[in-house]
PDB file of all heavy atoms in Angstrom:
ATOM      1  N   PHE A   1       0.816  -1.207   0.000  1.00  0.00           N
ATOM      2  CA  PHE A   1       0.000   0.000   0.000  1.00  0.00           C
ATOM      3  C   PHE A   1       0.855   1.263   0.000  1.00  0.00           C
ATOM      4  O   PHE A   1       0.477   2.283  -0.568  1.00  0.00           O
ATOM      5  CB  PHE A   1      -0.938   0.008   1.207  1.00  0.00           C
ATOM      6  CG  PHE A   1      -1.976  -1.073   1.152  1.00  0.00           C
ATOM      7  CD1 PHE A   1      -1.837  -2.225   1.912  1.00  0.00           C
ATOM      8  CD2 PHE A   1      -3.079  -0.954   0.323  1.00  0.00           C
ATOM      9  CE1 PHE A   1      -2.792  -3.231   1.849  1.00  0.00           C
ATOM     10  CE2 PHE A   1      -4.041  -1.953   0.263  1.00  0.00           C
ATOM     11  CZ  PHE A   1      -3.895  -3.097   1.022  1.00  0.00           C
ATOM     12  N   ILE A   2       2.001   1.180   0.653  1.00  0.00           N
ATOM     13  CA  ILE A   2       2.868   2.350   0.767  1.00  0.00           C
ATOM     14  C   ILE A   2       4.241   2.006   0.185  1.00  0.00           C
ATOM     15  O   ILE A   2       4.857   1.015   0.559  1.00  0.00           O
ATOM     16  CB  ILE A   2       3.030   2.789   2.234  1.00  0.00           C
ATOM     17  CG1 ILE A   2       1.661   3.153   2.823  1.00  0.00           C
ATOM     18  CG2 ILE A   2       3.985   3.984   2.336  1.00  0.00           C
ATOM     19  CD1 ILE A   2       1.692   3.467   4.299  1.00  0.00           C
ATOM     20  N   THR A   3       4.692   2.819  -0.761  1.00  0.00           N
ATOM     21  CA  THR A   3       6.008   2.631  -1.375  1.00  0.00           C
ATOM     22  C   THR A   3       6.782   3.947  -1.295  1.00  0.00           C
ATOM     23  O   THR A   3       6.181   5.017  -1.195  1.00  0.00           O
ATOM     24  CB  THR A   3       5.864   2.210  -2.853  1.00  0.00           C
ATOM     25  OG1 THR A   3       5.018   3.135  -3.538  1.00  0.00           O
ATOM     26  CG2 THR A   3       5.275   0.812  -2.963  1.00  0.00           C
ATOM     27  N   PRO A   4       8.125   3.890  -1.322  1.00  0.00           N
ATOM     28  CA  PRO A   4       8.931   5.106  -1.163  1.00  0.00           C
ATOM     29  C   PRO A   4       8.751   6.123  -2.285  1.00  0.00           C
ATOM     30  O   PRO A   4       8.936   7.323  -2.086  1.00  0.00           O
ATOM     31  CB  PRO A   4      10.364   4.576  -1.118  1.00  0.00           C
ATOM     32  CG  PRO A   4      10.308   3.248  -1.827  1.00  0.00           C
ATOM     33  CD  PRO A   4       8.966   2.693  -1.472  1.00  0.00           C
ATOM     34  N   ILE A   5       8.438   5.649  -3.474  1.00  0.00           N
ATOM     35  CA  ILE A   5       8.063   6.495  -4.605  1.00  0.00           C
ATOM     36  C   ILE A   5       6.806   5.891  -5.209  1.00  0.00           C
ATOM     37  O   ILE A   5       6.422   4.772  -4.871  1.00  0.00           O
ATOM     38  CB  ILE A   5       9.196   6.593  -5.654  1.00  0.00           C
ATOM     39  CG1 ILE A   5       9.609   5.204  -6.151  1.00  0.00           C
ATOM     40  CG2 ILE A   5      10.391   7.348  -5.101  1.00  0.00           C
ATOM     41  CD1 ILE A   5      10.699   5.209  -7.221  1.00  0.00           C
ATOM     42  N   ASP A   6       6.144   6.609  -6.089  1.00  0.00           N
ATOM     43  CA  ASP A   6       4.880   6.131  -6.648  1.00  0.00           C
ATOM     44  C   ASP A   6       5.018   4.739  -7.262  1.00  0.00           C
ATOM     45  O   ASP A   6       6.004   4.438  -7.937  1.00  0.00           O
ATOM     46  CB  ASP A   6       4.389   7.084  -7.734  1.00  0.00           C
ATOM     47  CG  ASP A   6       3.860   8.389  -7.169  1.00  0.00           C
ATOM     48  OD1 ASP A   6       3.685   8.464  -5.934  1.00  0.00           O
ATOM     49  OD2 ASP A   6       3.642   9.323  -7.956  1.00  0.00           O
ATOM     50  N   GLN A   7       4.013   3.904  -7.014  1.00  0.00           N
ATOM     51  CA  GLN A   7       4.015   2.562  -7.597  1.00  0.00           C
ATOM     52  C   GLN A   7       4.144   2.611  -9.116  1.00  0.00           C
ATOM     53  O   GLN A   7       4.834   1.789  -9.716  1.00  0.00           O
ATOM     54  CB  GLN A   7       2.729   1.818  -7.217  1.00  0.00           C
ATOM     55  CG  GLN A   7       2.734   1.206  -5.840  1.00  0.00           C
ATOM     56  CD  GLN A   7       1.711   0.095  -5.711  1.00  0.00           C
ATOM     57  OE1 GLN A   7       1.145  -0.364  -6.692  1.00  0.00           O
ATOM     58  NE2 GLN A   7       1.479  -0.350  -4.479  1.00  0.00           N
ATOM     59  N   GLU A   8       3.463   3.566  -9.726  1.00  0.00           N
ATOM     60  CA  GLU A   8       3.506   3.697 -11.180  1.00  0.00           C
ATOM     61  C   GLU A   8       4.939   3.920 -11.667  1.00  0.00           C
ATOM     62  O   GLU A   8       5.349   3.360 -12.692  1.00  0.00           O
ATOM     63  CB  GLU A   8       2.621   4.857 -11.626  1.00  0.00           C
ATOM     64  CG  GLU A   8       2.549   5.040 -13.130  1.00  0.00           C
ATOM     65  CD  GLU A   8       1.644   6.189 -13.524  1.00  0.00           C
ATOM     66  OE1 GLU A   8       0.867   6.667 -12.679  1.00  0.00           O
ATOM     67  OE2 GLU A   8       1.726   6.614 -14.700  1.00  0.00           O
ATOM     68  N   ASP A   9       5.707   4.728 -10.933  1.00  0.00           N
ATOM     69  CA  ASP A   9       7.098   4.987 -11.316  1.00  0.00           C
ATOM     70  C   ASP A   9       7.958   3.741 -11.146  1.00  0.00           C
ATOM     71  O   ASP A   9       8.831   3.459 -11.977  1.00  0.00           O
ATOM     72  CB  ASP A   9       7.674   6.129 -10.468  1.00  0.00           C
ATOM     73  CG  ASP A   9       7.030   7.468 -10.802  1.00  0.00           C
ATOM     74  OD1 ASP A   9       6.647   7.663 -11.965  1.00  0.00           O
ATOM     75  OD2 ASP A   9       6.900   8.302  -9.893  1.00  0.00           O
ATOM     76  N   ILE A  10       7.713   3.003 -10.069  1.00  0.00           N
ATOM     77  CA  ILE A  10       8.460   1.756  -9.857  1.00  0.00           C
ATOM     78  C   ILE A  10       8.157   0.771 -10.979  1.00  0.00           C
ATOM     79  O   ILE A  10       9.066   0.165 -11.556  1.00  0.00           O
ATOM     80  CB  ILE A  10       8.121   1.133  -8.485  1.00  0.00           C
ATOM     81  CG1 ILE A  10       8.562   2.048  -7.344  1.00  0.00           C
ATOM     82  CG2 ILE A  10       8.781  -0.245  -8.350  1.00  0.00           C
ATOM     83  CD1 ILE A  10       8.147   1.561  -5.961  1.00  0.00           C
ATOM     84  N   LEU A  11       6.877   0.623 -11.299  1.00  0.00           N
ATOM     85  CA  LEU A  11       6.474  -0.290 -12.376  1.00  0.00           C
ATOM     86  C   LEU A  11       7.124   0.087 -13.698  1.00  0.00           C
ATOM     87  O   LEU A  11       7.616  -0.779 -14.438  1.00  0.00           O
ATOM     88  CB  LEU A  11       4.943  -0.277 -12.522  1.00  0.00           C
ATOM     89  CG  LEU A  11       4.144  -1.022 -11.459  1.00  0.00           C
ATOM     90  CD1 LEU A  11       2.663  -0.688 -11.590  1.00  0.00           C
ATOM     91  CD2 LEU A  11       4.358  -2.521 -11.575  1.00  0.00           C
ATOM     92  N   HIS A  12       7.113   1.375 -13.991  1.00  0.00           N
ATOM     93  CA  HIS A  12       7.699   1.857 -15.243  1.00  0.00           C
ATOM     94  C   HIS A  12       9.192   1.558 -15.296  1.00  0.00           C
ATOM     95  O   HIS A  12       9.710   1.034 -16.284  1.00  0.00           O
ATOM     96  CB  HIS A  12       7.440   3.363 -15.359  1.00  0.00           C
ATOM     97  CG  HIS A  12       7.676   3.910 -16.724  1.00  0.00           C
ATOM     98  ND1 HIS A  12       7.595   5.252 -17.014  1.00  0.00           N
ATOM     99  CD2 HIS A  12       8.005   3.308 -17.910  1.00  0.00           C
ATOM    100  CE1 HIS A  12       7.852   5.442 -18.290  1.00  0.00           C
ATOM    101  NE2 HIS A  12       8.111   4.283 -18.852  1.00  0.00           N
ATOM    102  N   LEU A  13       9.880   1.859 -14.208  1.00  0.00           N
ATOM    103  CA  LEU A  13      11.328   1.677 -14.168  1.00  0.00           C
ATOM    104  C   LEU A  13      11.720   0.213 -14.244  1.00  0.00           C
ATOM    105  O   LEU A  13      12.618  -0.158 -15.016  1.00  0.00           O
ATOM    106  CB  LEU A  13      11.903   2.318 -12.906  1.00  0.00           C
ATOM    107  CG  LEU A  13      13.423   2.257 -12.736  1.00  0.00           C
ATOM    108  CD1 LEU A  13      14.134   2.897 -13.920  1.00  0.00           C
ATOM    109  CD2 LEU A  13      13.838   2.934 -11.430  1.00  0.00           C
ATOM    110  N   VAL A  14      11.059  -0.641 -13.471  1.00  0.00           N
ATOM    111  CA  VAL A  14      11.459  -2.061 -13.458  1.00  0.00           C
ATOM    112  C   VAL A  14      11.156  -2.728 -14.800  1.00  0.00           C
ATOM    113  O   VAL A  14      11.856  -3.659 -15.205  1.00  0.00           O
ATOM    114  CB  VAL A  14      10.807  -2.852 -12.293  1.00  0.00           C
ATOM    115  CG1 VAL A  14      11.223  -2.274 -10.954  1.00  0.00           C
ATOM    116  CG2 VAL A  14       9.289  -2.904 -12.418  1.00  0.00           C
ATOM    117  N   GLN A  15      10.125  -2.235 -15.515  1.00  0.00           N
ATOM    118  CA  GLN A  15       9.839  -2.788 -16.836  1.00  0.00           C
ATOM    119  C   GLN A  15      10.936  -2.430 -17.822  1.00  0.00           C
ATOM    120  O   GLN A  15      11.382  -3.276 -18.616  1.00  0.00           O
ATOM    121  CB  GLN A  15       8.492  -2.277 -17.345  1.00  0.00           C
ATOM    122  CG  GLN A  15       8.108  -2.843 -18.709  1.00  0.00           C
ATOM    123  CD  GLN A  15       8.044  -4.353 -18.708  1.00  0.00           C
ATOM    124  OE1 GLN A  15       7.234  -4.946 -17.991  1.00  0.00           O
ATOM    125  NE2 GLN A  15       8.890  -5.012 -19.510  1.00  0.00           N
ATOM    126  N   ILE A  16      11.399  -1.185 -17.784  1.00  0.00           N
ATOM    127  CA  ILE A  16      12.467  -0.777 -18.697  1.00  0.00           C
ATOM    128  C   ILE A  16      13.752  -1.544 -18.394  1.00  0.00           C
ATOM    129  O   ILE A  16      14.455  -1.990 -19.309  1.00  0.00           O
ATOM    130  CB  ILE A  16      12.721   0.745 -18.597  1.00  0.00           C
ATOM    131  CG1 ILE A  16      11.492   1.523 -19.044  1.00  0.00           C
ATOM    132  CG2 ILE A  16      13.918   1.143 -19.472  1.00  0.00           C
ATOM    133  CD1 ILE A  16      11.555   2.997 -18.714  1.00  0.00           C
ATOM    134  N   ILE A  17      14.064  -1.710 -17.118  1.00  0.00           N
ATOM    135  CA  ILE A  17      15.277  -2.449 -16.745  1.00  0.00           C
ATOM    136  C   ILE A  17      15.179  -3.896 -17.226  1.00  0.00           C
ATOM    137  O   ILE A  17      16.157  -4.465 -17.723  1.00  0.00           O
ATOM    138  CB  ILE A  17      15.512  -2.371 -15.228  1.00  0.00           C
ATOM    139  CG1 ILE A  17      15.838  -0.932 -14.822  1.00  0.00           C
ATOM    140  CG2 ILE A  17      16.653  -3.306 -14.808  1.00  0.00           C
ATOM    141  CD1 ILE A  17      15.877  -0.699 -13.321  1.00  0.00           C
ATOM    142  N   ASP A  18      13.997  -4.481 -17.103  1.00  0.00           N
ATOM    143  CA  ASP A  18      13.792  -5.835 -17.622  1.00  0.00           C
ATOM    144  C   ASP A  18      13.975  -5.854 -19.136  1.00  0.00           C
ATOM    145  O   ASP A  18      14.558  -6.789 -19.697  1.00  0.00           O
ATOM    146  CB  ASP A  18      12.388  -6.320 -17.253  1.00  0.00           C
ATOM    147  CG  ASP A  18      12.166  -7.778 -17.623  1.00  0.00           C
ATOM    148  OD1 ASP A  18      12.851  -8.647 -17.064  1.00  0.00           O
ATOM    149  OD2 ASP A  18      11.304  -8.047 -18.485  1.00  0.00           O
ATOM    150  N   ASP A  19      13.517  -4.800 -19.799  1.00  0.00           N
ATOM    151  CA  ASP A  19      13.679  -4.699 -21.254  1.00  0.00           C
ATOM    152  C   ASP A  19      15.157  -4.630 -21.654  1.00  0.00           C
ATOM    153  O   ASP A  19      15.535  -5.123 -22.727  1.00  0.00           O
ATOM    154  CB  ASP A  19      12.960  -3.452 -21.779  1.00  0.00           C
ATOM    155  CG  ASP A  19      11.447  -3.571 -21.730  1.00  0.00           C
ATOM    156  OD1 ASP A  19      10.941  -4.700 -21.577  1.00  0.00           O
ATOM    157  OD2 ASP A  19      10.768  -2.527 -21.825  1.00  0.00           O
ATOM    158  N   ILE A  20      15.988  -4.016 -20.812  1.00  0.00           N
ATOM    159  CA  ILE A  20      17.422  -3.926 -21.114  1.00  0.00           C
ATOM    160  C   ILE A  20      18.040  -5.321 -21.165  1.00  0.00           C
ATOM    161  O   ILE A  20      18.764  -5.668 -22.107  1.00  0.00           O
ATOM    162  CB  ILE A  20      18.160  -3.052 -20.082  1.00  0.00           C
ATOM    163  CG1 ILE A  20      17.690  -1.600 -20.171  1.00  0.00           C
ATOM    164  CG2 ILE A  20      19.686  -3.122 -20.301  1.00  0.00           C
ATOM    165  CD1 ILE A  20      18.169  -0.731 -19.019  1.00  0.00           C
ATOM    166  N   THR A  21      17.752  -6.126 -20.152  1.00  0.00           N
ATOM    167  CA  THR A  21      18.291  -7.494 -20.138  1.00  0.00           C
ATOM    168  C   THR A  21      17.776  -8.289 -21.330  1.00  0.00           C
ATOM    169  O   THR A  21      18.530  -9.038 -21.961  1.00  0.00           O
ATOM    170  CB  THR A  21      17.913  -8.212 -18.829  1.00  0.00           C
ATOM    171  OG1 THR A  21      18.197  -7.369 -17.715  1.00  0.00           O
ATOM    172  CG2 THR A  21      18.707  -9.498 -18.666  1.00  0.00           C
ATOM    173  N   ASP A  22      16.496  -8.112 -21.648  1.00  0.00           N
ATOM    174  CA  ASP A  22      15.931  -8.793 -22.810  1.00  0.00           C
ATOM    175  C   ASP A  22      16.635  -8.354 -24.097  1.00  0.00           C
ATOM    176  O   ASP A  22      16.913  -9.180 -24.977  1.00  0.00           O
ATOM    177  CB  ASP A  22      14.434  -8.484 -22.932  1.00  0.00           C
ATOM    178  CG  ASP A  22      13.595  -9.179 -21.873  1.00  0.00           C
ATOM    179  OD1 ASP A  22      14.111 -10.103 -21.218  1.00  0.00           O
ATOM    180  OD2 ASP A  22      12.431  -8.782 -21.682  1.00  0.00           O
ATOM    181  N   ALA A  23      16.916  -7.055 -24.206  1.00  0.00           N
ATOM    182  CA  ALA A  23      17.560  -6.528 -25.415  1.00  0.00           C
ATOM    183  C   ALA A  23      18.969  -7.079 -25.581  1.00  0.00           C
ATOM    184  O   ALA A  23      19.403  -7.374 -26.704  1.00  0.00           O
ATOM    185  CB  ALA A  23      17.595  -4.999 -25.360  1.00  0.00           C
ATOM    186  N   ILE A  24      19.681  -7.218 -24.482  1.00  0.00           N
ATOM    187  CA  ILE A  24      21.028  -7.804 -24.538  1.00  0.00           C
ATOM    188  C   ILE A  24      20.940  -9.261 -24.990  1.00  0.00           C
ATOM    189  O   ILE A  24      21.723  -9.711 -25.838  1.00  0.00           O
ATOM    190  CB  ILE A  24      21.723  -7.689 -23.165  1.00  0.00           C
ATOM    191  CG1 ILE A  24      21.974  -6.214 -22.825  1.00  0.00           C
ATOM    192  CG2 ILE A  24      23.041  -8.467 -23.154  1.00  0.00           C
ATOM    193  CD1 ILE A  24      22.455  -5.979 -21.398  1.00  0.00           C
TER     194      ILE A  24
END
């Protein structure tokens, strides 16, 4: 329910980071 930054921002960031590994 409570995260240090917005959940939406965390979701966005972790998806892009996952995309980096996929791209490699």
